[in-house]
Each structure stands twice: as C-alpha cells, then as structure tokens.
Protein backbone atom coordinates (compact mmCIF):
# COMPACT_ATOMS: atom_id res chain seq x y z
CA MET A 1 -44.04 27.36 17.49
CA PHE A 2 -43.81 27.48 14.00
CA ARG A 3 -47.91 28.38 13.95
CA SER A 4 -47.24 31.81 15.22
CA TRP A 5 -44.42 32.64 12.29
CA SER A 6 -44.97 34.06 8.79
CA PRO A 7 -45.13 31.13 5.93
CA TRP A 8 -42.05 33.09 4.18
CA ILE A 9 -40.02 32.19 6.95
CA THR A 10 -41.66 28.40 8.51
CA GLY A 11 -41.05 27.29 4.77
CA PRO A 12 -37.58 27.76 4.32
CA LEU A 13 -36.78 26.74 7.81
CA ARG A 14 -38.40 23.46 7.63
CA PHE A 15 -36.38 22.79 4.65
CA LEU A 16 -33.52 23.50 6.11
CA ILE A 17 -34.23 21.57 9.05
CA GLY A 18 -35.22 18.56 6.79
CA ALA A 19 -31.70 18.65 4.56
CA ALA A 20 -29.74 18.92 7.62
CA GLY A 21 -31.36 15.98 8.63
CA LEU A 22 -30.62 13.97 5.52
CA TYR A 23 -27.37 15.34 5.56
CA ALA A 24 -26.86 13.93 9.26
CA VAL A 25 -28.30 10.85 7.90
CA LEU A 26 -25.80 10.51 5.07
CA CYS A 27 -22.81 11.47 7.44
CA ALA A 28 -24.23 8.49 9.59
CA VAL A 29 -24.43 6.31 7.02
CA ALA A 30 -20.97 6.88 5.56
CA PHE A 31 -19.21 6.68 9.37
CA LEU A 32 -20.84 2.91 9.84
CA ALA A 33 -20.47 2.06 6.17
CA GLN A 34 -16.77 3.07 5.86
CA ARG A 35 -14.80 0.34 5.79
CA ARG A 36 -16.95 -1.62 3.57
CA LEU A 37 -15.96 1.26 1.06
CA MET A 38 -12.37 1.25 2.06
CA TYR A 39 -11.77 -2.64 1.78
CA PHE A 40 -12.63 -4.78 -0.84
CA PRO A 41 -11.43 -8.47 -0.23
CA GLU A 42 -11.43 -11.39 -2.55
CA ARG A 43 -12.47 -14.18 -0.09
CA GLU A 44 -11.94 -18.28 -0.24
CA GLY A 45 -11.39 -20.98 1.41
CA GLU A 46 -8.09 -21.98 2.42
CA THR A 47 -7.93 -25.60 0.49
CA GLU A 48 -9.03 -23.35 -2.28
CA ALA A 49 -6.18 -20.89 -1.96
CA ILE A 50 -3.52 -23.60 -1.67
CA HIS A 51 -4.40 -25.07 -4.84
CA ARG A 52 -3.90 -21.61 -6.52
CA ALA A 53 -1.11 -20.60 -5.16
CA LEU A 54 0.32 -24.06 -6.26
CA GLY A 55 -0.69 -22.94 -9.74
CA HIS A 56 1.82 -20.25 -9.23
CA GLY A 57 4.80 -21.84 -7.78
CA LEU A 58 3.73 -21.14 -4.43
CA VAL A 59 3.09 -22.25 -0.80
CA PRO A 60 2.08 -21.34 2.06
CA TRP A 61 4.07 -18.83 4.56
CA SER A 62 2.89 -19.42 8.30
CA ASP A 63 3.79 -18.01 11.63
CA ALA A 64 5.30 -19.89 14.38
CA ARG A 65 1.97 -21.77 15.28
CA GLY A 66 1.13 -22.63 11.97
CA ARG A 67 -1.42 -20.06 10.62
CA LEU A 68 -1.11 -18.75 7.27
CA LEU A 69 0.47 -15.65 6.77
CA GLY A 70 0.86 -15.47 2.66
CA TRP A 71 2.96 -17.02 0.29
CA ARG A 72 6.23 -17.58 -1.08
CA ARG A 73 8.39 -20.17 -3.38
CA VAL A 74 9.23 -23.42 -2.00
CA VAL A 75 13.01 -23.36 -2.29
CA ARG A 76 14.42 -20.10 0.10
CA ARG A 77 17.33 -18.04 -1.58
CA GLN A 78 20.16 -16.10 0.04
CA ALA A 79 19.04 -13.38 -1.17
CA PRO A 80 17.25 -10.06 -0.04
CA ARG A 81 14.02 -10.58 0.57
CA MET A 82 11.18 -8.17 -0.33
CA LEU A 83 7.44 -8.51 1.48
CA VAL A 84 4.71 -7.67 -0.43
CA LEU A 85 1.78 -5.38 0.52
CA HIS A 86 -1.07 -5.28 -1.36
CA GLY A 87 -4.11 -2.98 -2.12
CA ASN A 88 -6.97 -2.31 -0.62
CA ALA A 89 -9.27 -4.72 -3.27
CA GLY A 90 -8.51 -8.23 -4.06
CA ASP A 91 -6.01 -10.62 -1.99
CA ALA A 92 -2.15 -10.97 -2.45
CA LEU A 93 -2.36 -13.90 -4.90
CA GLY A 94 -3.56 -11.78 -7.46
CA ARG A 95 -0.34 -9.58 -6.96
CA GLU A 96 1.84 -12.98 -8.70
CA GLY A 97 2.48 -10.62 -11.36
CA TYR A 98 5.24 -8.75 -9.04
CA LEU A 99 7.27 -12.56 -8.59
CA ALA A 100 8.67 -12.09 -12.21
CA VAL A 101 9.74 -8.32 -11.76
CA LEU A 102 11.66 -8.98 -8.19
CA GLU A 103 12.98 -12.25 -8.96
CA ALA A 104 14.60 -10.83 -12.16
CA ALA A 105 16.19 -8.53 -9.82
CA GLY A 106 17.51 -10.81 -7.27
CA PHE A 107 14.77 -10.88 -4.44
CA GLU A 108 12.79 -13.28 -3.10
CA VAL A 109 9.73 -12.70 -3.09
CA VAL A 110 6.94 -12.92 0.23
CA LEU A 111 3.19 -12.42 -0.58
CA LEU A 112 1.79 -11.20 2.45
CA GLU A 113 -2.34 -11.63 3.08
CA TYR A 114 -3.76 -9.33 5.16
CA PRO A 115 -6.62 -10.27 7.84
CA GLY A 116 -9.95 -10.66 6.16
CA TYR A 117 -8.76 -10.95 2.80
CA GLY A 118 -8.26 -14.46 1.06
CA PRO A 119 -8.35 -17.48 3.38
CA ARG A 120 -7.48 -15.38 5.80
CA GLU A 121 -9.85 -14.45 9.30
CA GLY A 122 -9.57 -11.13 11.12
CA GLU A 123 -10.54 -7.40 11.26
CA ARG A 124 -10.04 -5.07 8.24
CA SER A 125 -9.02 -2.04 9.88
CA GLU A 126 -5.44 0.13 9.46
CA ALA A 127 -4.71 -1.51 13.23
CA SER A 128 -5.11 -4.46 12.45
CA LEU A 129 -3.00 -4.47 8.99
CA VAL A 130 -0.55 -2.77 10.56
CA ALA A 131 0.00 -4.82 13.17
CA ASP A 132 0.23 -7.87 11.30
CA ALA A 133 2.45 -6.50 8.87
CA ARG A 134 4.75 -5.83 11.55
CA ALA A 135 4.45 -9.56 12.97
CA ALA A 136 5.12 -10.82 9.46
CA LEU A 137 8.40 -8.55 9.27
CA ARG A 138 9.29 -9.97 12.96
CA ARG A 139 8.76 -13.47 11.48
CA LEU A 140 11.27 -12.85 8.13
CA ARG A 141 13.78 -11.14 10.52
CA GLU A 142 13.70 -14.53 13.22
CA GLU A 143 14.74 -16.83 9.59
CA SER A 144 17.75 -14.78 8.86
CA LYS A 145 19.61 -11.47 8.63
CA THR A 146 19.02 -11.20 5.25
CA PRO A 147 17.51 -7.43 4.46
CA VAL A 148 14.23 -7.51 4.06
CA PHE A 149 12.35 -4.65 1.72
CA LEU A 150 8.69 -3.62 1.80
CA LEU A 151 6.91 -3.19 -1.32
CA GLY A 152 3.71 -1.37 -0.86
CA GLU A 153 1.23 -0.67 -3.34
CA SER A 154 -1.64 1.36 -3.24
CA LEU A 155 -2.92 1.02 0.40
CA GLY A 156 -0.10 -1.26 0.92
CA SER A 157 1.77 1.79 0.68
CA GLY A 158 0.35 3.20 3.84
CA VAL A 159 0.57 0.06 5.44
CA ALA A 160 4.37 -0.05 4.34
CA VAL A 161 5.28 3.76 5.72
CA GLN A 162 4.04 2.83 9.34
CA VAL A 163 5.83 -0.22 9.45
CA ALA A 164 8.75 1.26 8.52
CA ALA A 165 8.40 3.91 11.10
CA ALA A 166 7.63 1.58 13.66
CA GLU A 167 10.61 -1.17 12.86
CA ARG A 168 13.10 1.29 11.27
CA GLY A 169 15.99 -0.81 12.10
CA ALA A 170 14.40 -4.27 10.34
CA VAL A 171 13.59 -2.30 7.15
CA ALA A 172 16.07 -1.83 4.43
CA GLY A 173 14.23 0.30 1.92
CA LEU A 174 10.58 0.69 0.77
CA LEU A 175 8.99 0.67 -2.71
CA LEU A 176 6.27 2.14 -2.97
CA THR A 177 3.80 2.08 -5.62
CA VAL A 178 0.57 4.46 -6.70
CA PRO A 179 1.40 5.56 -3.14
CA PHE A 180 -0.97 8.43 -1.47
CA ALA A 181 0.19 11.07 1.21
CA ARG A 182 -3.24 10.99 3.45
CA MET A 183 -6.07 9.02 3.39
CA THR A 184 -8.49 11.98 4.61
CA GLU A 185 -7.27 13.96 1.66
CA VAL A 186 -8.13 11.02 -1.08
CA ALA A 187 -11.49 10.43 0.59
CA ALA A 188 -12.00 14.24 0.47
CA GLN A 189 -11.90 13.82 -3.34
CA HIS A 190 -14.13 11.39 -4.03
CA TYR A 191 -16.45 11.96 -1.24
CA PRO A 192 -16.08 15.91 -1.03
CA TYR A 193 -20.09 16.68 -0.07
CA LEU A 194 -18.75 15.22 3.13
CA PRO A 195 -16.55 15.97 6.16
CA MET A 196 -14.41 12.81 5.67
CA GLY A 197 -11.45 14.43 7.87
CA LEU A 198 -13.75 13.86 10.71
CA LEU A 199 -15.41 10.74 9.68
CA LEU A 200 -12.98 8.37 8.79
CA LYS A 201 -11.66 6.38 11.81
CA ASP A 202 -8.56 4.67 9.27
CA ARG A 203 -6.64 7.86 8.54
CA TRP A 204 -4.08 6.40 6.98
CA ASP A 205 -1.25 9.17 7.46
CA SER A 206 1.47 8.29 5.24
CA LEU A 207 3.14 11.66 4.76
CA GLY A 208 3.06 12.18 8.64
CA ALA A 209 4.96 8.13 9.32
CA VAL A 210 7.35 8.47 6.67
CA ARG A 211 9.05 11.69 8.02
CA GLY A 212 9.65 8.67 11.32
CA TYR A 213 11.86 6.53 8.54
CA PRO A 214 15.40 7.45 7.57
CA GLY A 215 16.43 4.61 5.29
CA PRO A 216 15.89 5.13 0.94
CA VAL A 217 12.67 4.93 -0.49
CA ALA A 218 11.94 4.37 -4.26
CA MET A 219 8.49 5.19 -5.64
CA ILE A 220 6.46 4.61 -8.91
CA VAL A 221 3.67 7.08 -9.54
CA ALA A 222 1.08 6.83 -12.50
CA GLY A 223 0.97 10.21 -13.81
CA ARG A 224 -2.61 9.55 -14.79
CA ASP A 225 -3.77 8.24 -11.50
CA GLU A 226 -7.54 8.45 -11.25
CA VAL A 227 -8.01 7.13 -7.58
CA VAL A 228 -5.53 8.79 -5.58
CA GLY A 229 -3.94 11.15 -7.73
CA ALA A 230 -0.14 11.57 -9.09
CA GLU A 231 0.18 14.82 -6.44
CA GLN A 232 -0.21 12.51 -3.57
CA GLY A 233 2.90 10.56 -4.20
CA ARG A 234 4.67 13.71 -5.35
CA ARG A 235 3.78 15.18 -2.10
CA LEU A 236 4.98 11.95 0.46
CA ALA A 237 8.13 11.85 -1.91
CA LYS A 238 8.65 15.72 -0.39
CA GLY A 239 8.18 14.16 3.25
CA CYS A 240 10.24 11.63 3.23
CA PRO A 241 13.97 12.61 5.16
CA GLY A 242 15.90 9.96 3.80
CA ALA A 243 17.44 8.93 -0.03
CA VAL A 244 13.65 9.19 -2.44
CA ARG A 245 13.71 8.69 -5.98
CA VAL A 246 10.70 8.52 -8.15
CA TRP A 247 9.90 7.47 -11.19
CA GLU A 248 6.42 8.51 -12.73
CA ILE A 249 4.66 6.78 -15.99
CA PRO A 250 2.63 9.72 -17.64
CA ASP A 251 0.44 7.51 -19.18
CA ALA A 252 -0.64 4.82 -16.40
CA ASN A 253 -3.49 5.05 -14.17
CA HIS A 254 -4.00 3.68 -11.19
CA ASN A 255 -4.44 -0.09 -12.29
CA GLY A 256 -2.02 0.44 -14.94
CA LEU A 257 1.67 0.41 -14.08
CA PRO A 258 3.77 -2.19 -16.34
CA LEU A 259 5.12 -5.12 -14.86
CA LEU A 260 8.32 -5.64 -17.01
CA PRO A 261 10.82 -7.54 -15.39
CA GLY A 262 14.61 -6.43 -15.75
CA ARG A 263 13.00 -3.21 -17.61
CA PRO A 264 12.46 0.57 -15.80
CA PRO A 265 10.98 1.63 -13.51
CA TRP A 266 11.05 -1.41 -11.75
CA SER A 267 14.87 -2.42 -12.45
CA GLU A 268 16.05 1.03 -11.61
CA ALA A 269 14.18 1.38 -8.65
CA LEU A 270 15.20 -1.82 -7.39
CA ALA A 271 18.89 -0.85 -8.02
CA PHE A 272 18.29 2.02 -6.10
CA LEU A 273 17.41 0.52 -2.97
CA ARG A 274 20.25 -1.91 -3.26
CA SER A 275 22.75 0.49 -3.18
CA HIS A 276 21.89 2.03 -0.60
CA VAL A 277 21.48 -0.96 1.51
CA GLN A 278 25.09 -1.83 0.15
CA THR A 279 26.33 1.67 0.78
CA GLN A 280 25.06 0.77 4.66
CA GLY A 281 26.74 -2.05 4.64
CA LEU A 282 23.59 -4.38 4.62
CA GLY A 283 23.68 -6.49 1.26
CA SER A 284 25.78 -8.41 -1.24
CA ALA A 285 28.72 -7.08 -3.07
CA GLN A 286 26.62 -7.55 -6.12
CA ALA A 287 24.52 -5.00 -5.07
CA LEU A 288 23.61 -2.22 -8.23
CA ARG A 289 24.39 1.25 -8.38
CA GLY A 290 21.02 3.39 -7.91
CA GLY A 291 19.77 7.30 -7.85
CA GLN A 292 20.34 10.26 -5.24
CA ARG A 293 17.81 12.20 -3.10
CA GLY A 294 15.49 13.93 -5.03
CA ASP A 295 15.57 12.62 -8.24
CA VAL A 296 12.58 12.18 -10.05
CA GLU A 297 12.31 10.38 -13.55
CA ARG A 298 9.57 10.49 -16.03
CA ALA A 299 9.22 7.82 -18.57
CA SER A 300 6.79 6.22 -21.01
CA ALA A 301 5.64 2.58 -20.71
CA SER A 302 3.13 0.01 -21.75
CA GLY A 303 1.96 -2.94 -20.12
CA ARG A 304 -0.47 -3.43 -16.83
CA SER A 305 -0.15 -4.48 -12.99
CA PRO A 306 -2.47 -6.18 -10.74
CA LEU A 307 -2.75 -3.06 -8.64
CA SER A 308 -5.88 -1.88 -6.48
C-alpha cells in the first residue's frame, strides 16, 4: 500500500508505526512485570528466620493451624497491641527498630510477615496482603479484647488503611508512616511516560479507603520523601473523616525518619492515638492525652528508620 505513496508521507508514517509498536511493547512489559517492580522481598528459610528473630528477642507468631504469621515477644503483656505492617522491601524482621519505640510507649508489638516475604510462601499482591493482614488482625482479636492498633509503613500504610476500613470495629487507631494517597499517582510520578492509571493491577487507593474508617489516624510524613512525596501524605490526611494529626519531619527522606524511643514524633503520635481510645472507652486509665483533628506538627529530627 505504501508503494504508491510519496516518500514524504511513507517515511514519517513508518516511523510513527514503529514508535507506536515499541511503546506498546514497553507498556506490555511494564504490565507483566509490575509486581516485580512493586514488591522487593527479602527471602530466607524458616529456620534461618527463627534464628534471626531470637537474636532480637522475638519468637514465631502462628495462626490456629501452626502456620507462621510473623514475630512477637515471648512474654505477652496486658497492653494495647500494635500490629506492624511493613513496606514493600525487605521483611518484617528488618523492622526490629520499631520494638523499642513502641514498647517505650506501652504497646505490645507484633510484626506481621507478608505472604511471599521472609520465610512465608504465597502471592505478593494487593488482595493477598490485605487478606492476610485481616486474618492476622482477627487472630489478635481472638487472643483478647485488648485494643489493636495498626502501624502501616509506606506500602504498609495502604494495607493498614484497607484493613481498618474493612474491619473498622476491630482497629482502635492507625499510625501511618511515609504514607501515600494513591499508588497510581506515585507510579505516574516515577514513570510519567507510561499510562500507569491503566496498567496497574494493584492500585492501592488509600485515599478512597480511608474515607471508610472513622477512627483516629496519626501520620508521620517525611518532608523530603523522594519515593512517594510528602504531598501524598498531606492529601491522605485531608481525606480522613475522623480525628487526624500529622507530624512532618522537614529534613527526612523516605527511609530516613528518626526512630527515637520516648521522643517526638513517635511519643506524641502514640499518645494521640491512645487518648482517643481512652475517650472511646477502649483503653487504659493511663492513656496519654493527644491532639485534635486537623493538627499538623512540623519538627526537625535526626536518626534513621528501617523504612522501605
């Protein structure tokens, strides 16, 4: 067909067709490989993981069938539980830095391991991670009626928000660190030349989900977040229908939040959550007082966190 056309037409037309073909191939590769680009697990055998956990003073936490769910201390405390939902890279044991911070505030810490991470088998996907976290939450609720809070870090903030919206009566409060509003927007920032809104299977719409959770939400935002961007956390906070307070650390990057036991922003964020549980009649008499809806704190701090 092109033979009868002028070279001035056929040349550019062939170029456009070739470019469109290459772009289609690029989109197809991105679609097929997207979960490899989103989830970066650290894998190891269960024996090796248990040995590593013991070094942090932790033991396996299992479901009713004896299958590994995560890690916790040997001695249980009659204290509010904090279920830690980690980010997209590494594994749960890499978040041992949260232990001192949360325990200093009077919480019992439980580190959930995701399917396909650490020694656990399973699919790495939005549906799988959320379903597993919901099952873990129910497991904790079966143990006792002591309040359960969720700490969601980075990708884990998306898990936490969806679980809280689906199990709102079982979640006493949310602590979200370096959170995002919508994964499609984050992906578009990193891959502006691809239609990520159309390609993403795991969409992680935290802004939409958080509207279904009326409980208290504390957020710690990194002012120089190079992964999701600080504005994502600010937008998510505006979508919370209940009590919300934001601490923004201006000089921190995504993996650089300070982990300082008994110090702001952690001490204040955890006190804020416990104060609202006390107000609702769900917490202990020693729960600390916190802030009010819409408060935003900006602070400078040093140190490093294990976030990913």
